[in-house]
């Protein structure tokens, strides 16, 4: 049994489709089938049933967790040896949400690549629950997300504290407040009164997202029921909808760095912070306690802190 066999097996177990797994591994279907066949012969057991569709056998299901643990231990060992020799070769696997990645990685990755040119960077994008699942199964070395992290035995490093911002199409502010619009804009720069936007359309991230949970709790606290016209999985979509004058959205201040390029003729948005303490949240880097985090993994977190610290002072 070798590490490549296990890696290929896990990919097929994840996809349950030889064609898709081969495409993701950049090898031919025949080559992948040969690897799986060799592993089955070596273990003297069937790992998959082939009809009516590809599925794991009982033995295959047992191997999934075992293979993941073996590959994770191998990765940790290589990281330790690399740190000892200061060669810094290996893979850093980071989990992050799509919008957070869009806001942060363009500033972090160039610096990281300059310092560690021989380290492969692997990215997993998902919501908070998915990121924690990747971390718990050893498929991610660290994740970047907003607290709280539900998973137990996770060490966290604070990156920044974020407040939520109400993103309002400028036309909404003008229509809602008329001659007082400019005065309201000045007042709301110090903190928005969410009740002023009652009966206006809202576009929000879907329920289950950690930011949406904070927003819903805030609404309940102020007995505010938004006129919700659209829910989406992607914060960038909500920002684009606000920019197009379709609805109001709410997002962490950091995510404004991922604001889409305005379309021709776009009239812009007003950005009003929320100042209620319940709307503040902490962005952290999290990794499993007791699991070795390489020097380049630690340095990735430090670079993220430096980038965010700089952005707060510019």
C-alpha atoms as a PDB file:
ATOM      1  CA  UNK A   1       0.000   0.000   0.000  1.00  0.00           C
ATOM      2  CA  UNK A   2       1.358   3.449  -0.865  1.00  0.00           C
ATOM      3  CA  UNK A   3       0.236   7.001  -0.209  1.00  0.00           C
ATOM      4  CA  UNK A   4      -0.754   7.588  -3.820  1.00  0.00           C
ATOM      5  CA  UNK A   5      -3.115   4.588  -3.738  1.00  0.00           C
ATOM      6  CA  UNK A   6      -4.769   6.002  -0.631  1.00  0.00           C
ATOM      7  CA  UNK A   7      -5.053   9.488  -2.117  1.00  0.00           C
ATOM      8  CA  UNK A   8      -6.675   8.113  -5.267  1.00  0.00           C
ATOM      9  CA  UNK A   9      -8.981   5.870  -3.251  1.00  0.00           C
ATOM     10  CA  UNK A  10     -10.234   8.839  -1.183  1.00  0.00           C
ATOM     11  CA  UNK A  11     -10.944  10.857  -4.310  1.00  0.00           C
ATOM     12  CA  UNK A  12     -13.039   8.034  -5.788  1.00  0.00           C
ATOM     13  CA  UNK A  13     -14.781   7.551  -2.426  1.00  0.00           C
ATOM     14  CA  UNK A  14     -15.641  11.258  -2.378  1.00  0.00           C
ATOM     15  CA  UNK A  15     -16.905  11.460  -5.960  1.00  0.00           C
ATOM     16  CA  UNK A  16     -18.290   7.916  -6.346  1.00  0.00           C
ATOM     17  CA  UNK A  17     -17.663   8.481 -10.018  1.00  0.00           C
ATOM     18  CA  UNK A  18     -14.488   7.341 -11.798  1.00  0.00           C
ATOM     19  CA  UNK A  19     -14.759   9.943 -14.557  1.00  0.00           C
ATOM     20  CA  UNK A  20     -15.035  12.929 -12.212  1.00  0.00           C
ATOM     21  CA  UNK A  21     -12.381  11.573  -9.852  1.00  0.00           C
ATOM     22  CA  UNK A  22      -9.941  11.032 -12.740  1.00  0.00           C
ATOM     23  CA  UNK A  23     -10.570  14.573 -14.000  1.00  0.00           C
ATOM     24  CA  UNK A  24      -9.832  16.039 -10.562  1.00  0.00           C
ATOM     25  CA  UNK A  25      -6.638  13.960 -10.308  1.00  0.00           C
ATOM     26  CA  UNK A  26      -5.542  14.800 -13.892  1.00  0.00           C
ATOM     27  CA  UNK A  27      -5.073  11.149 -14.799  1.00  0.00           C
ATOM     28  CA  UNK A  28      -6.878   8.795 -17.172  1.00  0.00           C
ATOM     29  CA  UNK A  29      -9.861   6.739 -16.048  1.00  0.00           C
ATOM     30  CA  UNK A  30      -7.979   3.558 -16.908  1.00  0.00           C
ATOM     31  CA  UNK A  31      -4.986   4.567 -14.791  1.00  0.00           C
ATOM     32  CA  UNK A  32      -7.243   5.405 -11.848  1.00  0.00           C
ATOM     33  CA  UNK A  33      -9.111   2.102 -12.176  1.00  0.00           C
ATOM     34  CA  UNK A  34      -5.762   0.280 -12.192  1.00  0.00           C
ATOM     35  CA  UNK A  35      -4.713   2.010  -8.964  1.00  0.00           C
ATOM     36  CA  UNK A  36      -7.964   1.038  -7.251  1.00  0.00           C
ATOM     37  CA  UNK A  37      -7.667  -2.518  -8.560  1.00  0.00           C
ATOM     38  CA  UNK A  38      -4.101  -2.814  -7.272  1.00  0.00           C
ATOM     39  CA  UNK A  39      -5.187  -1.572  -3.838  1.00  0.00           C
ATOM     40  CA  UNK A  40      -8.043  -4.080  -3.717  1.00  0.00           C
ATOM     41  CA  UNK A  41      -5.720  -6.939  -4.656  1.00  0.00           C
ATOM     42  CA  UNK A  42      -3.166  -5.867  -2.061  1.00  0.00           C
ATOM     43  CA  UNK A  43      -5.817  -5.753   0.682  1.00  0.00           C
ATOM     44  CA  UNK A  44      -7.595  -8.809  -0.727  1.00  0.00           C
ATOM     45  CA  UNK A  45     -10.980  -7.116  -0.376  1.00  0.00           C
ATOM     46  CA  UNK A  46     -13.475  -5.276  -2.568  1.00  0.00           C
ATOM     47  CA  UNK A  47     -13.608  -1.550  -1.789  1.00  0.00           C
ATOM     48  CA  UNK A  48     -16.371  -0.611  -4.244  1.00  0.00           C
ATOM     49  CA  UNK A  49     -19.405  -2.233  -5.803  1.00  0.00           C
ATOM     50  CA  UNK A  50     -19.735  -1.310  -9.465  1.00  0.00           C
ATOM     51  CA  UNK A  51     -23.444  -1.849 -10.091  1.00  0.00           C
ATOM     52  CA  UNK A  52     -26.047  -0.529 -10.334  1.00  0.00           C
ATOM     53  CA  UNK A  53     -23.817   2.465  -9.535  1.00  0.00           C
ATOM     54  CA  UNK A  54     -20.455   2.936  -7.864  1.00  0.00           C
ATOM     55  CA  UNK A  55     -20.680   2.713  -4.058  1.00  0.00           C
ATOM     56  CA  UNK A  56     -18.449   1.848  -1.131  1.00  0.00           C
ATOM     57  CA  UNK A  57     -18.499  -1.634   0.362  1.00  0.00           C
ATOM     58  CA  UNK A  58     -18.384  -2.061   4.138  1.00  0.00           C
ATOM     59  CA  UNK A  59     -14.611  -2.566   3.906  1.00  0.00           C
ATOM     60  CA  UNK A  60     -14.313   0.514   1.695  1.00  0.00           C
ATOM     61  CA  UNK A  61     -16.227   2.611   4.199  1.00  0.00           C
ATOM     62  CA  UNK A  62     -13.851   1.484   6.959  1.00  0.00           C
ATOM     63  CA  UNK A  63     -10.856   2.446   4.837  1.00  0.00           C
ATOM     64  CA  UNK A  64     -12.079   6.020   4.270  1.00  0.00           C
ATOM     65  CA  UNK A  65     -11.339   7.198   7.836  1.00  0.00           C
ATOM     66  CA  UNK A  66      -8.197   5.068   8.102  1.00  0.00           C
ATOM     67  CA  UNK A  67      -6.775   6.389   4.820  1.00  0.00           C
ATOM     68  CA  UNK A  68      -7.553   9.991   5.806  1.00  0.00           C
ATOM     69  CA  UNK A  69      -5.745   9.499   9.132  1.00  0.00           C
ATOM     70  CA  UNK A  70      -2.721   7.880   7.471  1.00  0.00           C
ATOM     71  CA  UNK A  71      -2.383  10.674   4.904  1.00  0.00           C
ATOM     72  CA  UNK A  72      -2.849  13.324   7.599  1.00  0.00           C
ATOM     73  CA  UNK A  73      -0.138  11.768   9.794  1.00  0.00           C
ATOM     74  CA  UNK A  74       2.143  11.555   6.760  1.00  0.00           C
ATOM     75  CA  UNK A  75       1.524  15.238   6.017  1.00  0.00           C
ATOM     76  CA  UNK A  76       2.276  16.201   9.630  1.00  0.00           C
ATOM     77  CA  UNK A  77       5.492  14.166   9.582  1.00  0.00           C
ATOM     78  CA  UNK A  78       6.693  15.841   6.383  1.00  0.00           C
ATOM     79  CA  UNK A  79       5.915  19.245   7.901  1.00  0.00           C
ATOM     80  CA  UNK A  80       7.922  18.419  11.034  1.00  0.00           C
ATOM     81  CA  UNK A  81      10.895  17.174   9.028  1.00  0.00           C
ATOM     82  CA  UNK A  82      10.705  20.202   6.741  1.00  0.00           C
ATOM     83  CA  UNK A  83      10.693  22.527   9.736  1.00  0.00           C
ATOM     84  CA  UNK A  84      13.669  20.724  11.285  1.00  0.00           C
ATOM     85  CA  UNK A  85      15.660  20.999   8.060  1.00  0.00           C
ATOM     86  CA  UNK A  86      14.237  24.454   7.264  1.00  0.00           C
ATOM     87  CA  UNK A  87      13.421  23.222   3.768  1.00  0.00           C
ATOM     88  CA  UNK A  88       9.760  24.251   4.080  1.00  0.00           C
ATOM     89  CA  UNK A  89       8.366  21.920   1.486  1.00  0.00           C
ATOM     90  CA  UNK A  90       4.909  20.402   1.625  1.00  0.00           C
ATOM     91  CA  UNK A  91       1.266  21.406   1.364  1.00  0.00           C
ATOM     92  CA  UNK A  92      -0.723  23.981   3.307  1.00  0.00           C
ATOM     93  CA  UNK A  93      -4.445  23.212   3.179  1.00  0.00           C
ATOM     94  CA  UNK A  94      -6.612  26.196   4.110  1.00  0.00           C
ATOM     95  CA  UNK A  95     -10.387  26.340   4.456  1.00  0.00           C
ATOM     96  CA  UNK A  96     -12.136  29.693   4.024  1.00  0.00           C
ATOM     97  CA  UNK A  97     -15.466  31.034   2.801  1.00  0.00           C
ATOM     98  CA  UNK A  98     -15.650  32.230  -0.794  1.00  0.00           C
ATOM     99  CA  UNK A  99     -16.194  35.895   0.103  1.00  0.00           C
ATOM    100  CA  UNK A 100     -13.616  35.931   2.896  1.00  0.00           C
ATOM    101  CA  UNK A 101     -11.113  34.383   0.503  1.00  0.00           C
ATOM    102  CA  UNK A 102     -11.917  36.976  -2.131  1.00  0.00           C
ATOM    103  CA  UNK A 103     -11.364  39.739   0.419  1.00  0.00           C
ATOM    104  CA  UNK A 104      -8.135  38.395   1.949  1.00  0.00           C
ATOM    105  CA  UNK A 105      -6.208  35.983  -0.255  1.00  0.00           C
ATOM    106  CA  UNK A 106      -5.133  38.471  -2.961  1.00  0.00           C
ATOM    107  CA  UNK A 107      -3.158  40.287  -0.250  1.00  0.00           C
ATOM    108  CA  UNK A 108      -1.971  37.237   1.707  1.00  0.00           C
ATOM    109  CA  UNK A 109      -0.964  34.738  -0.978  1.00  0.00           C
ATOM    110  CA  UNK A 110       1.643  36.829  -2.877  1.00  0.00           C
ATOM    111  CA  UNK A 111       3.571  37.372   0.367  1.00  0.00           C
ATOM    112  CA  UNK A 112       3.204  33.734   1.385  1.00  0.00           C
ATOM    113  CA  UNK A 113       4.384  32.498  -2.020  1.00  0.00           C
ATOM    114  CA  UNK A 114       7.412  34.807  -1.875  1.00  0.00           C
ATOM    115  CA  UNK A 115       8.447  33.418   1.520  1.00  0.00           C
ATOM    116  CA  UNK A 116       7.620  29.768   0.765  1.00  0.00           C
ATOM    117  CA  UNK A 117       7.931  29.175  -2.994  1.00  0.00           C
ATOM    118  CA  UNK A 118       8.192  25.392  -2.585  1.00  0.00           C
ATOM    119  CA  UNK A 119       5.028  25.017  -0.491  1.00  0.00           C
ATOM    120  CA  UNK A 120       1.917  23.968  -2.381  1.00  0.00           C
ATOM    121  CA  UNK A 121      -1.181  25.930  -1.354  1.00  0.00           C
ATOM    122  CA  UNK A 122      -4.466  24.001  -1.354  1.00  0.00           C
ATOM    123  CA  UNK A 123      -7.740  25.899  -0.911  1.00  0.00           C
ATOM    124  CA  UNK A 124     -11.127  24.629   0.239  1.00  0.00           C
ATOM    125  CA  UNK A 125     -14.085  27.030   0.076  1.00  0.00           C
ATOM    126  CA  UNK A 126     -17.294  26.447   2.008  1.00  0.00           C
ATOM    127  CA  UNK A 127     -19.569  27.698   4.762  1.00  0.00           C
ATOM    128  CA  UNK A 128     -18.634  27.510   8.440  1.00  0.00           C
ATOM    129  CA  UNK A 129     -20.105  24.033   8.960  1.00  0.00           C
ATOM    130  CA  UNK A 130     -18.291  22.658   5.918  1.00  0.00           C
ATOM    131  CA  UNK A 131     -15.004  24.236   6.998  1.00  0.00           C
ATOM    132  CA  UNK A 132     -15.244  22.684  10.448  1.00  0.00           C
ATOM    133  CA  UNK A 133     -15.961  19.303   8.843  1.00  0.00           C
ATOM    134  CA  UNK A 134     -12.812  19.607   6.712  1.00  0.00           C
ATOM    135  CA  UNK A 135     -10.789  20.487   9.804  1.00  0.00           C
ATOM    136  CA  UNK A 136     -12.228  17.667  11.918  1.00  0.00           C
ATOM    137  CA  UNK A 137     -11.405  15.043   9.272  1.00  0.00           C
ATOM    138  CA  UNK A 138      -7.840  16.296   8.766  1.00  0.00           C
ATOM    139  CA  UNK A 139      -8.499  17.539   5.228  1.00  0.00           C
ATOM    140  CA  UNK A 140      -7.622  21.115   6.215  1.00  0.00           C
ATOM    141  CA  UNK A 141      -4.636  22.257   8.275  1.00  0.00           C
ATOM    142  CA  UNK A 142      -6.363  25.452   9.337  1.00  0.00           C
ATOM    143  CA  UNK A 143      -9.548  27.385   8.649  1.00  0.00           C
ATOM    144  CA  UNK A 144     -10.382  31.072   8.672  1.00  0.00           C
ATOM    145  CA  UNK A 145     -13.897  31.862   9.839  1.00  0.00           C
ATOM    146  CA  UNK A 146     -15.983  33.873  12.270  1.00  0.00           C
ATOM    147  CA  UNK A 147     -16.496  32.701  15.826  1.00  0.00           C
ATOM    148  CA  UNK A 148     -18.009  30.760  17.392  1.00  0.00           C
ATOM    149  CA  UNK A 149     -16.383  27.549  16.169  1.00  0.00           C
ATOM    150  CA  UNK A 150     -18.641  24.688  17.271  1.00  0.00           C
ATOM    151  CA  UNK A 151     -16.046  21.952  16.796  1.00  0.00           C
ATOM    152  CA  UNK A 152     -14.278  20.933  20.005  1.00  0.00           C
ATOM    153  CA  UNK A 153     -10.500  20.911  20.586  1.00  0.00           C
ATOM    154  CA  UNK A 154      -9.787  23.765  18.177  1.00  0.00           C
ATOM    155  CA  UNK A 155      -7.136  26.361  18.998  1.00  0.00           C
ATOM    156  CA  UNK A 156      -7.924  29.813  17.630  1.00  0.00           C
ATOM    157  CA  UNK A 157      -5.795  32.836  16.804  1.00  0.00           C
ATOM    158  CA  UNK A 158      -7.676  36.179  16.596  1.00  0.00           C
ATOM    159  CA  UNK A 159      -7.266  37.999  13.284  1.00  0.00           C
ATOM    160  CA  UNK A 160      -9.621  40.970  13.560  1.00  0.00           C
ATOM    161  CA  UNK A 161     -12.922  42.100  15.054  1.00  0.00           C
ATOM    162  CA  UNK A 162     -15.577  42.992  12.531  1.00  0.00           C
ATOM    163  CA  UNK A 163     -18.778  45.011  12.697  1.00  0.00           C
ATOM    164  CA  UNK A 164     -21.702  44.540  10.345  1.00  0.00           C
ATOM    165  CA  UNK A 165     -22.498  47.156   7.729  1.00  0.00           C
ATOM    166  CA  UNK A 166     -25.900  47.916   6.191  1.00  0.00           C
ATOM    167  CA  UNK A 167     -25.426  48.330   2.430  1.00  0.00           C
ATOM    168  CA  UNK A 168     -28.240  50.509   1.085  1.00  0.00           C
ATOM    169  CA  UNK A 169     -28.796  51.587  -2.552  1.00  0.00           C
ATOM    170  CA  UNK A 170     -28.483  55.370  -2.592  1.00  0.00           C
ATOM    171  CA  UNK A 171     -31.849  55.636  -4.364  1.00  0.00           C
ATOM    172  CA  UNK A 172     -33.476  53.930  -1.351  1.00  0.00           C
ATOM    173  CA  UNK A 173     -32.024  56.515   1.039  1.00  0.00           C
ATOM    174  CA  UNK A 174     -33.169  59.355  -1.226  1.00  0.00           C
ATOM    175  CA  UNK A 175     -36.682  57.960  -1.628  1.00  0.00           C
ATOM    176  CA  UNK A 176     -37.107  57.051   2.030  1.00  0.00           C
ATOM    177  CA  UNK A 177     -35.874  60.333   3.525  1.00  0.00           C
ATOM    178  CA  UNK A 178     -36.368  62.895   0.752  1.00  0.00           C
ATOM    179  CA  UNK A 179     -34.988  66.304   1.675  1.00  0.00           C
ATOM    180  CA  UNK A 180     -33.502  64.863   4.863  1.00  0.00           C
ATOM    181  CA  UNK A 181     -31.448  62.206   3.019  1.00  0.00           C
ATOM    182  CA  UNK A 182     -28.087  63.956   3.393  1.00  0.00           C
ATOM    183  CA  UNK A 183     -28.653  64.623   7.078  1.00  0.00           C
ATOM    184  CA  UNK A 184     -29.630  60.988   7.629  1.00  0.00           C
ATOM    185  CA  UNK A 185     -26.492  59.880   5.790  1.00  0.00           C
ATOM    186  CA  UNK A 186     -24.369  61.926   8.192  1.00  0.00           C
ATOM    187  CA  UNK A 187     -26.219  60.585  11.244  1.00  0.00           C
ATOM    188  CA  UNK A 188     -26.096  56.970  10.122  1.00  0.00           C
ATOM    189  CA  UNK A 189     -22.331  57.126   9.551  1.00  0.00           C
ATOM    190  CA  UNK A 190     -22.143  56.903  13.350  1.00  0.00           C
ATOM    191  CA  UNK A 191     -24.558  53.972  13.475  1.00  0.00           C
ATOM    192  CA  UNK A 192     -27.662  52.994  11.542  1.00  0.00           C
ATOM    193  CA  UNK A 193     -31.158  52.654  12.981  1.00  0.00           C
ATOM    194  CA  UNK A 194     -32.357  49.476  11.277  1.00  0.00           C
ATOM    195  CA  UNK A 195     -35.989  50.405  11.935  1.00  0.00           C
ATOM    196  CA  UNK A 196     -35.647  53.262   9.447  1.00  0.00           C
ATOM    197  CA  UNK A 197     -35.525  50.678   6.630  1.00  0.00           C
ATOM    198  CA  UNK A 198     -38.811  48.978   7.433  1.00  0.00           C
ATOM    199  CA  UNK A 199     -40.893  48.036   4.365  1.00  0.00           C
ATOM    200  CA  UNK A 200     -37.851  48.284   2.055  1.00  0.00           C
ATOM    201  CA  UNK A 201     -36.665  45.153   0.167  1.00  0.00           C
ATOM    202  CA  UNK A 202     -33.749  43.143   1.582  1.00  0.00           C
ATOM    203  CA  UNK A 203     -31.345  40.687  -0.088  1.00  0.00           C
ATOM    204  CA  UNK A 204     -29.603  38.435   2.445  1.00  0.00           C
ATOM    205  CA  UNK A 205     -27.280  35.461   2.674  1.00  0.00           C
ATOM    206  CA  UNK A 206     -29.189  32.209   3.289  1.00  0.00           C
ATOM    207  CA  UNK A 207     -30.044  30.931   6.755  1.00  0.00           C
ATOM    208  CA  UNK A 208     -27.458  28.614   8.279  1.00  0.00           C
ATOM    209  CA  UNK A 209     -24.621  31.012   7.483  1.00  0.00           C
ATOM    210  CA  UNK A 210     -22.923  32.324  10.641  1.00  0.00           C
ATOM    211  CA  UNK A 211     -23.311  35.970   9.599  1.00  0.00           C
ATOM    212  CA  UNK A 212     -26.988  35.404   8.824  1.00  0.00           C
ATOM    213  CA  UNK A 213     -27.480  33.965  12.306  1.00  0.00           C
ATOM    214  CA  UNK A 214     -26.082  37.166  13.832  1.00  0.00           C
ATOM    215  CA  UNK A 215     -28.279  39.300  11.552  1.00  0.00           C
ATOM    216  CA  UNK A 216     -31.436  37.344  12.439  1.00  0.00           C
ATOM    217  CA  UNK A 217     -30.717  37.654  16.158  1.00  0.00           C
ATOM    218  CA  UNK A 218     -30.203  41.395  15.702  1.00  0.00           C
ATOM    219  CA  UNK A 219     -33.520  41.694  13.855  1.00  0.00           C
ATOM    220  CA  UNK A 220     -35.307  39.817  16.648  1.00  0.00           C
ATOM    221  CA  UNK A 221     -33.762  42.069  19.266  1.00  0.00           C
ATOM    222  CA  UNK A 222     -35.272  45.124  17.564  1.00  0.00           C
ATOM    223  CA  UNK A 223     -38.540  43.398  16.558  1.00  0.00           C
ATOM    224  CA  UNK A 224     -37.643  44.083  12.950  1.00  0.00           C
ATOM    225  CA  UNK A 225     -39.068  41.933  10.150  1.00  0.00           C
ATOM    226  CA  UNK A 226     -37.290  42.587   6.828  1.00  0.00           C
ATOM    227  CA  UNK A 227     -39.130  42.490   3.531  1.00  0.00           C
ATOM    228  CA  UNK A 228     -36.979  39.670   2.187  1.00  0.00           C
ATOM    229  CA  UNK A 229     -37.069  39.364  -1.604  1.00  0.00           C
ATOM    230  CA  UNK A 230     -33.998  37.186  -2.210  1.00  0.00           C
ATOM    231  CA  UNK A 231     -31.706  34.794  -0.331  1.00  0.00           C
ATOM    232  CA  UNK A 232     -28.433  33.534  -1.803  1.00  0.00           C
ATOM    233  CA  UNK A 233     -25.412  31.429  -0.809  1.00  0.00           C
ATOM    234  CA  UNK A 234     -22.967  34.118  -1.968  1.00  0.00           C
ATOM    235  CA  UNK A 235     -22.334  37.444  -0.214  1.00  0.00           C
ATOM    236  CA  UNK A 236     -20.867  38.928  -3.407  1.00  0.00           C
ATOM    237  CA  UNK A 237     -24.263  38.359  -5.042  1.00  0.00           C
ATOM    238  CA  UNK A 238     -26.015  40.283  -2.269  1.00  0.00           C
ATOM    239  CA  UNK A 239     -23.545  43.150  -2.724  1.00  0.00           C
ATOM    240  CA  UNK A 240     -24.137  43.160  -6.475  1.00  0.00           C
ATOM    241  CA  UNK A 241     -27.899  43.268  -5.884  1.00  0.00           C
ATOM    242  CA  UNK A 242     -27.492  46.264  -3.565  1.00  0.00           C
ATOM    243  CA  UNK A 243     -25.273  47.976  -6.109  1.00  0.00           C
ATOM    244  CA  UNK A 244     -27.919  47.389  -8.779  1.00  0.00           C
ATOM    245  CA  UNK A 245     -30.561  49.052  -6.610  1.00  0.00           C
ATOM    246  CA  UNK A 246     -32.535  45.861  -5.981  1.00  0.00           C
ATOM    247  CA  UNK A 247     -32.338  45.553  -2.215  1.00  0.00           C
ATOM    248  CA  UNK A 248     -30.559  46.288   1.062  1.00  0.00           C
ATOM    249  CA  UNK A 249     -28.022  43.801   2.393  1.00  0.00           C
ATOM    250  CA  UNK A 250     -25.927  43.398   5.543  1.00  0.00           C
ATOM    251  CA  UNK A 251     -22.424  41.974   5.685  1.00  0.00           C
ATOM    252  CA  UNK A 252     -19.195  42.136   7.711  1.00  0.00           C
ATOM    253  CA  UNK A 253     -17.138  45.246   6.985  1.00  0.00           C
ATOM    254  CA  UNK A 254     -14.287  43.058   5.724  1.00  0.00           C
ATOM    255  CA  UNK A 255     -16.433  41.715   2.886  1.00  0.00           C
ATOM    256  CA  UNK A 256     -16.694  45.175   1.339  1.00  0.00           C
ATOM    257  CA  UNK A 257     -13.176  44.481   0.031  1.00  0.00           C
ATOM    258  CA  UNK A 258     -14.837  41.949  -2.284  1.00  0.00           C
ATOM    259  CA  UNK A 259     -17.325  44.484  -3.665  1.00  0.00           C
ATOM    260  CA  UNK A 260     -17.985  43.731  -7.362  1.00  0.00           C
ATOM    261  CA  UNK A 261     -16.987  46.290  -9.987  1.00  0.00           C
ATOM    262  CA  UNK A 262     -19.919  48.685 -10.533  1.00  0.00           C
ATOM    263  CA  UNK A 263     -21.899  48.159 -13.719  1.00  0.00           C
ATOM    264  CA  UNK A 264     -22.111  51.122 -16.125  1.00  0.00           C
ATOM    265  CA  UNK A 265     -24.694  53.573 -14.807  1.00  0.00           C
ATOM    266  CA  UNK A 266     -24.739  52.119 -11.276  1.00  0.00           C
ATOM    267  CA  UNK A 267     -25.713  54.805  -8.779  1.00  0.00           C
ATOM    268  CA  UNK A 268     -23.804  53.438  -5.836  1.00  0.00           C
ATOM    269  CA  UNK A 269     -24.621  52.516  -2.256  1.00  0.00           C
ATOM    270  CA  UNK A 270     -24.620  54.005   1.217  1.00  0.00           C
ATOM    271  CA  UNK A 271     -22.615  52.146   3.867  1.00  0.00           C
ATOM    272  CA  UNK A 272     -24.024  52.461   7.376  1.00  0.00           C
ATOM    273  CA  UNK A 273     -22.364  50.572  10.285  1.00  0.00           C
ATOM    274  CA  UNK A 274     -24.314  48.783  12.982  1.00  0.00           C
ATOM    275  CA  UNK A 275     -23.072  49.626  16.461  1.00  0.00           C
ATOM    276  CA  UNK A 276     -25.048  47.185  18.589  1.00  0.00           C
ATOM    277  CA  UNK A 277     -22.504  44.959  20.429  1.00  0.00           C
ATOM    278  CA  UNK A 278     -24.393  41.843  19.294  1.00  0.00           C
ATOM    279  CA  UNK A 279     -23.421  42.585  15.681  1.00  0.00           C
ATOM    280  CA  UNK A 280     -19.665  42.503  16.326  1.00  0.00           C
ATOM    281  CA  UNK A 281     -17.876  39.243  15.572  1.00  0.00           C
ATOM    282  CA  UNK A 282     -14.291  38.019  15.658  1.00  0.00           C
ATOM    283  CA  UNK A 283     -12.535  36.552  12.626  1.00  0.00           C
ATOM    284  CA  UNK A 284     -10.109  33.825  13.680  1.00  0.00           C
ATOM    285  CA  UNK A 285      -7.752  31.217  12.305  1.00  0.00           C
ATOM    286  CA  UNK A 286      -8.493  27.804  13.782  1.00  0.00           C
ATOM    287  CA  UNK A 287      -6.491  24.564  13.857  1.00  0.00           C
ATOM    288  CA  UNK A 288      -6.818  21.297  15.752  1.00  0.00           C
ATOM    289  CA  UNK A 289      -5.205  21.160  19.186  1.00  0.00           C
ATOM    290  CA  UNK A 290      -2.611  18.416  19.386  1.00  0.00           C
ATOM    291  CA  UNK A 291      -2.115  18.417  15.627  1.00  0.00           C
ATOM    292  CA  UNK A 292       1.210  19.715  14.315  1.00  0.00           C
ATOM    293  CA  UNK A 293       0.903  23.037  12.497  1.00  0.00           C
ATOM    294  CA  UNK A 294       3.928  23.652  10.296  1.00  0.00           C
ATOM    295  CA  UNK A 295       6.070  26.756  10.470  1.00  0.00           C
ATOM    296  CA  UNK A 296       4.665  27.908   7.129  1.00  0.00           C
ATOM    297  CA  UNK A 297       1.133  27.349   8.485  1.00  0.00           C
ATOM    298  CA  UNK A 298       1.935  29.562  11.461  1.00  0.00           C
ATOM    299  CA  UNK A 299       3.475  32.123   9.142  1.00  0.00           C
ATOM    300  CA  UNK A 300       0.325  32.151   6.975  1.00  0.00           C
ATOM    301  CA  UNK A 301      -1.674  33.146  10.062  1.00  0.00           C
ATOM    302  CA  UNK A 302       0.852  35.864  10.941  1.00  0.00           C
ATOM    303  CA  UNK A 303       0.677  37.305   7.413  1.00  0.00           C
ATOM    304  CA  UNK A 304      -3.132  37.360   7.661  1.00  0.00           C
ATOM    305  CA  UNK A 305      -2.854  39.305  10.927  1.00  0.00           C
ATOM    306  CA  UNK A 306      -0.420  41.766   9.346  1.00  0.00           C
ATOM    307  CA  UNK A 307      -2.629  42.304   6.286  1.00  0.00           C
ATOM    308  CA  UNK A 308      -5.714  42.948   8.408  1.00  0.00           C
ATOM    309  CA  UNK A 309      -3.819  45.212  10.812  1.00  0.00           C
ATOM    310  CA  UNK A 310      -2.560  47.275   7.878  1.00  0.00           C
ATOM    311  CA  UNK A 311      -5.989  47.511   6.272  1.00  0.00           C
ATOM    312  CA  UNK A 312      -7.481  48.879   9.511  1.00  0.00           C
ATOM    313  CA  UNK A 313      -4.986  51.768   9.442  1.00  0.00           C
ATOM    314  CA  UNK A 314      -5.455  52.729   5.771  1.00  0.00           C
END
